[in-house]
Amino acid sequence: MPNTKSAKKRMRQAEKARDKNRAQRTRVRRAIKNVRTAETADAAAAALREAEILLDRAARTHLVHRNAAARQKSRLAKVVKAKQ
């Protein structure tokens, strides 16, 4: 457990950041899953747009590396193209 005032504050900040990151990571994973499990090409395309936005946001906040986000977007686009 932290002893100093600054360490206690840092612990509170880290907890908030961890909760926010976990929520954002969950949203991204769910969006990716929605693209892959979409029934129709139109639904997949709509889900892809949402997933791309969330992946870009995750990359911007350093939740995932920007190249990893780009790779995921590319792979998802490939999946959507295959459904058409």
PDB file of N, CA and C in Angstrom:
ATOM      1  N   MET A   1       0.845  -1.183   0.000  1.00  0.00           N
ATOM      2  CA  MET A   1       0.000   0.000   0.000  1.00  0.00           C
ATOM      3  C   MET A   1       0.888   1.243   0.000  1.00  0.00           C
ATOM      4  N   PRO A   2       0.411   2.299  -0.661  1.00  0.00           N
ATOM      5  CA  PRO A   2       1.215   3.522  -0.720  1.00  0.00           C
ATOM      6  C   PRO A   2       1.241   4.226   0.630  1.00  0.00           C
ATOM      7  N   ASN A   3       2.363   4.858   0.888  1.00  0.00           N
ATOM      8  CA  ASN A   3       2.529   5.559   2.160  1.00  0.00           C
ATOM      9  C   ASN A   3       2.449   7.072   1.998  1.00  0.00           C
ATOM     10  N   THR A   4       3.018   7.588   0.936  1.00  0.00           N
ATOM     11  CA  THR A   4       3.034   9.040   0.756  1.00  0.00           C
ATOM     12  C   THR A   4       1.744   9.508   0.100  1.00  0.00           C
ATOM     13  N   LYS A   5       1.498  10.808   0.260  1.00  0.00           N
ATOM     14  CA  LYS A   5       0.296  11.405  -0.300  1.00  0.00           C
ATOM     15  C   LYS A   5       0.299  11.297  -1.830  1.00  0.00           C
ATOM     16  N   SER A   6       1.460  11.530  -2.439  1.00  0.00           N
ATOM     17  CA  SER A   6       1.544  11.487  -3.900  1.00  0.00           C
ATOM     18  C   SER A   6       1.363  10.053  -4.416  1.00  0.00           C
ATOM     19  N   ALA A   7       1.857   9.077  -3.667  1.00  0.00           N
ATOM     20  CA  ALA A   7       1.693   7.687  -4.083  1.00  0.00           C
ATOM     21  C   ALA A   7       0.233   7.262  -3.990  1.00  0.00           C
ATOM     22  N   LYS A   8      -0.473   7.757  -2.983  1.00  0.00           N
ATOM     23  CA  LYS A   8      -1.901   7.451  -2.851  1.00  0.00           C
ATOM     24  C   LYS A   8      -2.681   8.055  -4.022  1.00  0.00           C
ATOM     25  N   LYS A   9      -2.316   9.297  -4.386  1.00  0.00           N
ATOM     26  CA  LYS A   9      -2.978   9.948  -5.511  1.00  0.00           C
ATOM     27  C   LYS A   9      -2.694   9.183  -6.806  1.00  0.00           C
ATOM     28  N   ARG A  10      -1.438   8.793  -6.976  1.00  0.00           N
ATOM     29  CA  ARG A  10      -1.061   8.054  -8.182  1.00  0.00           C
ATOM     30  C   ARG A  10      -1.841   6.745  -8.284  1.00  0.00           C
ATOM     31  N   MET A  11      -2.074   6.102  -7.153  1.00  0.00           N
ATOM     32  CA  MET A  11      -2.829   4.849  -7.130  1.00  0.00           C
ATOM     33  C   MET A  11      -4.279   5.092  -7.563  1.00  0.00           C
ATOM     34  N   ARG A  12      -4.860   6.201  -7.079  1.00  0.00           N
ATOM     35  CA  ARG A  12      -6.227   6.540  -7.488  1.00  0.00           C
ATOM     36  C   ARG A  12      -6.283   6.812  -8.993  1.00  0.00           C
ATOM     37  N   GLN A  13      -5.307   7.542  -9.500  1.00  0.00           N
ATOM     38  CA  GLN A  13      -5.272   7.871 -10.924  1.00  0.00           C
ATOM     39  C   GLN A  13      -5.110   6.611 -11.779  1.00  0.00           C
ATOM     40  N   ALA A  14      -4.246   5.722 -11.316  1.00  0.00           N
ATOM     41  CA  ALA A  14      -4.004   4.484 -12.063  1.00  0.00           C
ATOM     42  C   ALA A  14      -5.274   3.634 -12.104  1.00  0.00           C
ATOM     43  N   GLU A  15      -6.016   3.624 -11.020  1.00  0.00           N
ATOM     44  CA  GLU A  15      -7.252   2.837 -10.975  1.00  0.00           C
ATOM     45  C   GLU A  15      -8.286   3.388 -11.964  1.00  0.00           C
ATOM     46  N   LYS A  16      -8.402   4.716 -12.018  1.00  0.00           N
ATOM     47  CA  LYS A  16      -9.332   5.333 -12.973  1.00  0.00           C
ATOM     48  C   LYS A  16      -8.922   5.017 -14.408  1.00  0.00           C
ATOM     49  N   ALA A  17      -7.629   5.139 -14.690  1.00  0.00           N
ATOM     50  CA  ALA A  17      -7.135   4.871 -16.032  1.00  0.00           C
ATOM     51  C   ALA A  17      -7.354   3.414 -16.409  1.00  0.00           C
ATOM     52  N   ARG A  18      -7.125   2.507 -15.458  1.00  0.00           N
ATOM     53  CA  ARG A  18      -7.305   1.073 -15.714  1.00  0.00           C
ATOM     54  C   ARG A  18      -8.763   0.778 -16.059  1.00  0.00           C
ATOM     55  N   ASP A  19      -9.695   1.383 -15.323  1.00  0.00           N
ATOM     56  CA  ASP A  19     -11.117   1.168 -15.600  1.00  0.00           C
ATOM     57  C   ASP A  19     -11.498   1.707 -16.975  1.00  0.00           C
ATOM     58  N   LYS A  20     -10.991   2.893 -17.309  1.00  0.00           N
ATOM     59  CA  LYS A  20     -11.299   3.500 -18.602  1.00  0.00           C
ATOM     60  C   LYS A  20     -10.710   2.669 -19.740  1.00  0.00           C
ATOM     61  N   ASN A  21      -9.469   2.212 -19.576  1.00  0.00           N
ATOM     62  CA  ASN A  21      -8.819   1.401 -20.601  1.00  0.00           C
ATOM     63  C   ASN A  21      -9.531   0.072 -20.794  1.00  0.00           C
ATOM     64  N   ARG A  22      -9.946  -0.540 -19.691  1.00  0.00           N
ATOM     65  CA  ARG A  22     -10.639  -1.825 -19.782  1.00  0.00           C
ATOM     66  C   ARG A  22     -11.956  -1.669 -20.537  1.00  0.00           C
ATOM     67  N   ALA A  23     -12.688  -0.586 -20.253  1.00  0.00           N
ATOM     68  CA  ALA A  23     -13.957  -0.348 -20.931  1.00  0.00           C
ATOM     69  C   ALA A  23     -13.736  -0.109 -22.420  1.00  0.00           C
ATOM     70  N   GLN A  24     -12.719   0.694 -22.736  1.00  0.00           N
ATOM     71  CA  GLN A  24     -12.441   0.992 -24.144  1.00  0.00           C
ATOM     72  C   GLN A  24     -11.991  -0.262 -24.893  1.00  0.00           C
ATOM     73  N   ARG A  25     -11.148  -1.075 -24.255  1.00  0.00           N
ATOM     74  CA  ARG A  25     -10.671  -2.309 -24.883  1.00  0.00           C
ATOM     75  C   ARG A  25     -11.842  -3.262 -25.146  1.00  0.00           C
ATOM     76  N   THR A  26     -12.783  -3.315 -24.207  1.00  0.00           N
ATOM     77  CA  THR A  26     -13.961  -4.164 -24.365  1.00  0.00           C
ATOM     78  C   THR A  26     -14.806  -3.696 -25.548  1.00  0.00           C
ATOM     79  N   ARG A  27     -14.992  -2.371 -25.678  1.00  0.00           N
ATOM     80  CA  ARG A  27     -15.767  -1.836 -26.803  1.00  0.00           C
ATOM     81  C   ARG A  27     -15.116  -2.184 -28.136  1.00  0.00           C
ATOM     82  N   VAL A  28     -13.791  -2.075 -28.182  1.00  0.00           N
ATOM     83  CA  VAL A  28     -13.075  -2.392 -29.428  1.00  0.00           C
ATOM     84  C   VAL A  28     -13.242  -3.865 -29.762  1.00  0.00           C
ATOM     85  N   ARG A  29     -13.047  -4.734 -28.800  1.00  0.00           N
ATOM     86  CA  ARG A  29     -13.172  -6.173 -29.050  1.00  0.00           C
ATOM     87  C   ARG A  29     -14.579  -6.546 -29.499  1.00  0.00           C
ATOM     88  N   ARG A  30     -15.577  -5.918 -28.887  1.00  0.00           N
ATOM     89  CA  ARG A  30     -16.971  -6.205 -29.247  1.00  0.00           C
ATOM     90  C   ARG A  30     -17.251  -5.743 -30.676  1.00  0.00           C
ATOM     91  N   ALA A  31     -16.709  -4.582 -31.043  1.00  0.00           N
ATOM     92  CA  ALA A  31     -16.910  -4.062 -32.398  1.00  0.00           C
ATOM     93  C   ALA A  31     -16.276  -4.989 -33.429  1.00  0.00           C
ATOM     94  N   ILE A  32     -15.086  -5.500 -33.122  1.00  0.00           N
ATOM     95  CA  ILE A  32     -14.408  -6.434 -34.024  1.00  0.00           C
ATOM     96  C   ILE A  32     -15.240  -7.708 -34.182  1.00  0.00           C
ATOM     97  N   LYS A  33     -15.760  -8.195 -33.075  1.00  0.00           N
ATOM     98  CA  LYS A  33     -16.569  -9.406 -33.118  1.00  0.00           C
ATOM     99  C   LYS A  33     -17.843  -9.177 -33.930  1.00  0.00           C
ATOM    100  N   ASN A  34     -18.419  -7.964 -33.812  1.00  0.00           N
ATOM    101  CA  ASN A  34     -19.639  -7.654 -34.562  1.00  0.00           C
ATOM    102  C   ASN A  34     -19.392  -7.691 -36.069  1.00  0.00           C
ATOM    103  N   VAL A  35     -18.215  -7.249 -36.489  1.00  0.00           N
ATOM    104  CA  VAL A  35     -17.886  -7.295 -37.919  1.00  0.00           C
ATOM    105  C   VAL A  35     -17.797  -8.742 -38.376  1.00  0.00           C
ATOM    106  N   ARG A  36     -17.082  -9.552 -37.625  1.00  0.00           N
ATOM    107  CA  ARG A  36     -16.846 -10.937 -38.029  1.00  0.00           C
ATOM    108  C   ARG A  36     -18.128 -11.783 -38.010  1.00  0.00           C
ATOM    109  N   THR A  37     -19.062 -11.459 -37.118  1.00  0.00           N
ATOM    110  CA  THR A  37     -20.272 -12.279 -36.982  1.00  0.00           C
ATOM    111  C   THR A  37     -21.480 -11.692 -37.698  1.00  0.00           C
ATOM    112  N   ALA A  38     -21.280 -10.595 -38.433  1.00  0.00           N
ATOM    113  CA  ALA A  38     -22.410  -9.968 -39.137  1.00  0.00           C
ATOM    114  C   ALA A  38     -22.984 -10.932 -40.171  1.00  0.00           C
ATOM    115  N   GLU A  39     -24.283 -10.937 -40.273  1.00  0.00           N
ATOM    116  CA  GLU A  39     -24.974 -11.857 -41.177  1.00  0.00           C
ATOM    117  C   GLU A  39     -24.896 -11.390 -42.627  1.00  0.00           C
ATOM    118  N   THR A  40     -25.180 -10.106 -42.851  1.00  0.00           N
ATOM    119  CA  THR A  40     -25.227  -9.597 -44.216  1.00  0.00           C
ATOM    120  C   THR A  40     -24.022  -8.699 -44.494  1.00  0.00           C
ATOM    121  N   ALA A  41     -23.806  -8.427 -45.764  1.00  0.00           N
ATOM    122  CA  ALA A  41     -22.702  -7.552 -46.166  1.00  0.00           C
ATOM    123  C   ALA A  41     -22.939  -6.124 -45.683  1.00  0.00           C
ATOM    124  N   ASP A  42     -24.211  -5.688 -45.719  1.00  0.00           N
ATOM    125  CA  ASP A  42     -24.524  -4.329 -45.263  1.00  0.00           C
ATOM    126  C   ASP A  42     -24.264  -4.180 -43.768  1.00  0.00           C
ATOM    127  N   ALA A  43     -24.665  -5.167 -43.010  1.00  0.00           N
ATOM    128  CA  ALA A  43     -24.439  -5.129 -41.564  1.00  0.00           C
ATOM    129  C   ALA A  43     -22.940  -5.163 -41.257  1.00  0.00           C
ATOM    130  N   ALA A  44     -22.210  -5.943 -42.020  1.00  0.00           N
ATOM    131  CA  ALA A  44     -20.767  -6.030 -41.821  1.00  0.00           C
ATOM    132  C   ALA A  44     -20.096  -4.705 -42.147  1.00  0.00           C
ATOM    133  N   ALA A  45     -20.546  -4.046 -43.200  1.00  0.00           N
ATOM    134  CA  ALA A  45     -19.966  -2.756 -43.585  1.00  0.00           C
ATOM    135  C   ALA A  45     -20.238  -1.703 -42.519  1.00  0.00           C
ATOM    136  N   ALA A  46     -21.446  -1.705 -41.973  1.00  0.00           N
ATOM    137  CA  ALA A  46     -21.784  -0.749 -40.913  1.00  0.00           C
ATOM    138  C   ALA A  46     -20.961  -1.031 -39.657  1.00  0.00           C
ATOM    139  N   ALA A  47     -20.813  -2.299 -39.334  1.00  0.00           N
ATOM    140  CA  ALA A  47     -20.020  -2.678 -38.162  1.00  0.00           C
ATOM    141  C   ALA A  47     -18.553  -2.331 -38.373  1.00  0.00           C
ATOM    142  N   LEU A  48     -18.082  -2.442 -39.612  1.00  0.00           N
ATOM    143  CA  LEU A  48     -16.695  -2.101 -39.923  1.00  0.00           C
ATOM    144  C   LEU A  48     -16.433  -0.626 -39.688  1.00  0.00           C
ATOM    145  N   ARG A  49     -17.367   0.230 -40.104  1.00  0.00           N
ATOM    146  CA  ARG A  49     -17.198   1.673 -39.879  1.00  0.00           C
ATOM    147  C   ARG A  49     -17.063   1.973 -38.398  1.00  0.00           C
ATOM    148  N   GLU A  50     -17.911   1.345 -37.594  1.00  0.00           N
ATOM    149  CA  GLU A  50     -17.857   1.546 -36.139  1.00  0.00           C
ATOM    150  C   GLU A  50     -16.537   1.026 -35.565  1.00  0.00           C
ATOM    151  N   ALA A  51     -16.113  -0.138 -36.018  1.00  0.00           N
ATOM    152  CA  ALA A  51     -14.870  -0.730 -35.515  1.00  0.00           C
ATOM    153  C   ALA A  51     -13.664   0.120 -35.892  1.00  0.00           C
ATOM    154  N   GLU A  52     -13.669   0.671 -37.107  1.00  0.00           N
ATOM    155  CA  GLU A  52     -12.549   1.517 -37.531  1.00  0.00           C
ATOM    156  C   GLU A  52     -12.439   2.761 -36.659  1.00  0.00           C
ATOM    157  N   ILE A  53     -13.570   3.356 -36.334  1.00  0.00           N
ATOM    158  CA  ILE A  53     -13.571   4.542 -35.466  1.00  0.00           C
ATOM    159  C   ILE A  53     -12.998   4.193 -34.101  1.00  0.00           C
ATOM    160  N   LEU A  54     -13.463   3.086 -33.539  1.00  0.00           N
ATOM    161  CA  LEU A  54     -13.003   2.688 -32.204  1.00  0.00           C
ATOM    162  C   LEU A  54     -11.521   2.307 -32.208  1.00  0.00           C
ATOM    163  N   LEU A  55     -11.071   1.634 -33.268  1.00  0.00           N
ATOM    164  CA  LEU A  55      -9.654   1.269 -33.361  1.00  0.00           C
ATOM    165  C   LEU A  55      -8.777   2.514 -33.495  1.00  0.00           C
ATOM    166  N   ASP A  56      -9.229   3.480 -34.297  1.00  0.00           N
ATOM    167  CA  ASP A  56      -8.463   4.724 -34.434  1.00  0.00           C
ATOM    168  C   ASP A  56      -8.372   5.458 -33.095  1.00  0.00           C
ATOM    169  N   ARG A  57      -9.477   5.475 -32.373  1.00  0.00           N
ATOM    170  CA  ARG A  57      -9.479   6.140 -31.070  1.00  0.00           C
ATOM    171  C   ARG A  57      -8.559   5.418 -30.086  1.00  0.00           C
ATOM    172  N   ALA A  58      -8.586   4.091 -30.115  1.00  0.00           N
ATOM    173  CA  ALA A  58      -7.716   3.309 -29.236  1.00  0.00           C
ATOM    174  C   ALA A  58      -6.254   3.540 -29.575  1.00  0.00           C
ATOM    175  N   ALA A  59      -5.952   3.678 -30.850  1.00  0.00           N
ATOM    176  CA  ALA A  59      -4.569   3.940 -31.263  1.00  0.00           C
ATOM    177  C   ALA A  59      -4.152   5.345 -30.848  1.00  0.00           C
ATOM    178  N   ARG A  60      -5.061   6.288 -30.975  1.00  0.00           N
ATOM    179  CA  ARG A  60      -4.756   7.672 -30.615  1.00  0.00           C
ATOM    180  C   ARG A  60      -4.453   7.822 -29.121  1.00  0.00           C
ATOM    181  N   THR A  61      -5.113   7.025 -28.298  1.00  0.00           N
ATOM    182  CA  THR A  61      -4.888   7.092 -26.850  1.00  0.00           C
ATOM    183  C   THR A  61      -3.858   6.069 -26.379  1.00  0.00           C
ATOM    184  N   HIS A  62      -3.151   5.442 -27.337  1.00  0.00           N
ATOM    185  CA  HIS A  62      -2.077   4.478 -27.047  1.00  0.00           C
ATOM    186  C   HIS A  62      -2.566   3.232 -26.319  1.00  0.00           C
ATOM    187  N   LEU A  63      -3.838   2.904 -26.483  1.00  0.00           N
ATOM    188  CA  LEU A  63      -4.348   1.661 -25.919  1.00  0.00           C
ATOM    189  C   LEU A  63      -3.824   0.488 -26.732  1.00  0.00           C
ATOM    190  N   VAL A  64      -3.755   0.676 -28.055  1.00  0.00           N
ATOM    191  CA  VAL A  64      -3.103  -0.291 -28.941  1.00  0.00           C
ATOM    192  C   VAL A  64      -2.130   0.482 -29.811  1.00  0.00           C
ATOM    193  N   HIS A  65      -1.131  -0.194 -30.315  1.00  0.00           N
ATOM    194  CA  HIS A  65      -0.157   0.443 -31.199  1.00  0.00           C
ATOM    195  C   HIS A  65      -0.842   0.808 -32.511  1.00  0.00           C
ATOM    196  N   ARG A  66      -0.426   1.920 -33.104  1.00  0.00           N
ATOM    197  CA  ARG A  66      -1.104   2.383 -34.328  1.00  0.00           C
ATOM    198  C   ARG A  66      -0.986   1.374 -35.459  1.00  0.00           C
ATOM    199  N   ASN A  67       0.131   0.671 -35.542  1.00  0.00           N
ATOM    200  CA  ASN A  67       0.273  -0.336 -36.594  1.00  0.00           C
ATOM    201  C   ASN A  67      -0.631  -1.541 -36.323  1.00  0.00           C
ATOM    202  N   ALA A  68      -0.808  -1.881 -35.070  1.00  0.00           N
ATOM    203  CA  ALA A  68      -1.709  -2.987 -34.717  1.00  0.00           C
ATOM    204  C   ALA A  68      -3.142  -2.620 -35.078  1.00  0.00           C
ATOM    205  N   ALA A  69      -3.522  -1.360 -34.847  1.00  0.00           N
ATOM    206  CA  ALA A  69      -4.862  -0.907 -35.218  1.00  0.00           C
ATOM    207  C   ALA A  69      -5.037  -0.954 -36.729  1.00  0.00           C
ATOM    208  N   ALA A  70      -4.021  -0.504 -37.457  1.00  0.00           N
ATOM    209  CA  ALA A  70      -4.097  -0.523 -38.923  1.00  0.00           C
ATOM    210  C   ALA A  70      -4.195  -1.953 -39.440  1.00  0.00           C
ATOM    211  N   ARG A  71      -3.461  -2.854 -38.826  1.00  0.00           N
ATOM    212  CA  ARG A  71      -3.495  -4.258 -39.235  1.00  0.00           C
ATOM    213  C   ARG A  71      -4.886  -4.849 -39.009  1.00  0.00           C
ATOM    214  N   GLN A  72      -5.474  -4.548 -37.849  1.00  0.00           N
ATOM    215  CA  GLN A  72      -6.820  -5.047 -37.544  1.00  0.00           C
ATOM    216  C   GLN A  72      -7.836  -4.506 -38.545  1.00  0.00           C
ATOM    217  N   LYS A  73      -7.744  -3.214 -38.856  1.00  0.00           N
ATOM    218  CA  LYS A  73      -8.670  -2.602 -39.801  1.00  0.00           C
ATOM    219  C   LYS A  73      -8.547  -3.257 -41.175  1.00  0.00           C
ATOM    220  N   SER A  74      -7.325  -3.528 -41.578  1.00  0.00           N
ATOM    221  CA  SER A  74      -7.094  -4.163 -42.867  1.00  0.00           C
ATOM    222  C   SER A  74      -7.702  -5.558 -42.909  1.00  0.00           C
ATOM    223  N   ARG A  75      -7.497  -6.307 -41.866  1.00  0.00           N
ATOM    224  CA  ARG A  75      -8.026  -7.670 -41.812  1.00  0.00           C
ATOM    225  C   ARG A  75      -9.550  -7.674 -41.789  1.00  0.00           C
ATOM    226  N   LEU A  76     -10.124  -6.710 -41.064  1.00  0.00           N
ATOM    227  CA  LEU A  76     -11.582  -6.632 -41.011  1.00  0.00           C
ATOM    228  C   LEU A  76     -12.156  -6.236 -42.365  1.00  0.00           C
ATOM    229  N   ALA A  77     -11.479  -5.328 -43.063  1.00  0.00           N
ATOM    230  CA  ALA A  77     -11.936  -4.924 -44.390  1.00  0.00           C
ATOM    231  C   ALA A  77     -11.919  -6.116 -45.343  1.00  0.00           C
ATOM    232  N   LYS A  78     -10.926  -6.952 -45.180  1.00  0.00           N
ATOM    233  CA  LYS A  78     -10.813  -8.167 -45.993  1.00  0.00           C
ATOM    234  C   LYS A  78     -12.004  -9.106 -45.715  1.00  0.00           C
ATOM    235  N   VAL A  79     -12.397  -9.214 -44.452  1.00  0.00           N
ATOM    236  CA  VAL A  79     -13.529 -10.051 -44.071  1.00  0.00           C
ATOM    237  C   VAL A  79     -14.812  -9.516 -44.683  1.00  0.00           C
ATOM    238  N   VAL A  80     -14.990  -8.174 -44.616  1.00  0.00           N
ATOM    239  CA  VAL A  80     -16.196  -7.564 -45.165  1.00  0.00           C
ATOM    240  C   VAL A  80     -16.249  -7.759 -46.672  1.00  0.00           C
ATOM    241  N   LYS A  81     -15.126  -7.607 -47.344  1.00  0.00           N
ATOM    242  CA  LYS A  81     -15.092  -7.776 -48.799  1.00  0.00           C
ATOM    243  C   LYS A  81     -15.464  -9.214 -49.183  1.00  0.00           C
ATOM    244  N   ALA A  82     -15.046 -10.162 -48.370  1.00  0.00           N
ATOM    245  CA  ALA A  82     -15.356 -11.561 -48.646  1.00  0.00           C
ATOM    246  C   ALA A  82     -16.846 -11.854 -48.494  1.00  0.00           C
ATOM    247  N   LYS A  83     -17.534 -11.070 -47.641  1.00  0.00           N
ATOM    248  CA  LYS A  83     -18.972 -11.301 -47.420  1.00  0.00           C
ATOM    249  C   LYS A  83     -19.814 -10.750 -48.552  1.00  0.00           C
ATOM    250  N   GLN A  84     -19.240  -9.909 -49.402  1.00  0.00           N
ATOM    251  CA  GLN A  84     -20.012  -9.289 -50.490  1.00  0.00           C
ATOM    252  C   GLN A  84     -20.105 -10.190 -51.692  1.00  0.00           C
TER     253      GLN A  84
END
